[in-house]
């Protein structure tokens, strides 16, 4: 799954990654290529008994080419999963990529990265093959890539490749928006008990040891199939989510699998699991149109939307603002001073703002 936490500054995007990533998964994993015997191999992996099946985790800044290298290094033989229970794969290649800054990884003009992330999402391909300029040909067997990232709303839209919608990457992302007040700063924050973190780590160890296909509880599959055929209502109606709607089934089922294995070792998706998965996805989908509101806009459109948000936020506490203040804000956002007045005229002409005697009001 590709999950993007979207929110403004001090909204807790990065802090939300601390418990699952820094304090739990890092106990059980290493950077790809670091194996038993390496001086950087964590002792905690031995404590939790995962020497032969530790997690692969990338949490720092990484270039697309390095990601290809790391995914190749993460693959390993997994003969225990081969056969009737596990399918026809001899290899496992599971990697979790964490990028605290979306724009530091997703580059608007990097088409090879977009293609790779699109291809790797399905988790069904036996292998992926890529050629890079500096490192030659890569053959990645049985890729299973999880991606967790954080972005501001403007960063998420501005760094997304322009053809991400038509090429399929956008429909593979699940943006999760937080649009509430900033998280209050404190000198000290409540501590999380070691017993709690240890319990989470041991739960995750149990999950890594599960084998075999996951199934719906008896009688539930027919009900789920009827819901899928009906469109998993309520279905998003925003045009920007048209391609996403074509992949909603996969997003919902992947979420149901995650809910199921977090709750039980049975490899059975129960009715409660399915209900909870739907609630999670419906909540995320309700905010997706706001996350994508500026996607596909040109520079002028993004500027107009940015200025409109700024004006509206200021006018929450006052009825108007002087034109000098608006000019200053527009000047900060354009490439040259000559663009300020044409931009303001365009904002007035299109009804974004109203101006009377150098006083600016909301439209």
Foldseek 3Di string as FASTA:
>chain_A
DAEEEAADPQACQVVVVCLVPVLALVLQEDAQPDAPPRPPDDPSNVVLPCRPPGAHEAADQDELVVVLVRQQSQKDFDCVLDDDFNHHARIAREYEYEAAEPLSYQAQPPVVSLVVLQVLLVLPDQWDWDQDDPPGIGIHGRHHYYYYYYYYLVSVQVRHHQCCQVVPVVLSYQYAYDYDDRDDDDPDDDDDDPVVSVVVNSLVVLLSPAIGAAEEDPPVVVVVVVCVVVQVPPHDDDPSCPSNSVCVVVQLVVQLQVQVSSVDSPSYRYPVSSVVSSVVRVNSSVCVCVSCVCHNPDLLSVLLVVLLVVQVVVCVVPFWDFLVVSLVVSCVRDDDSVVSVVSVVVCCVVQQWDDDPRIIGGD
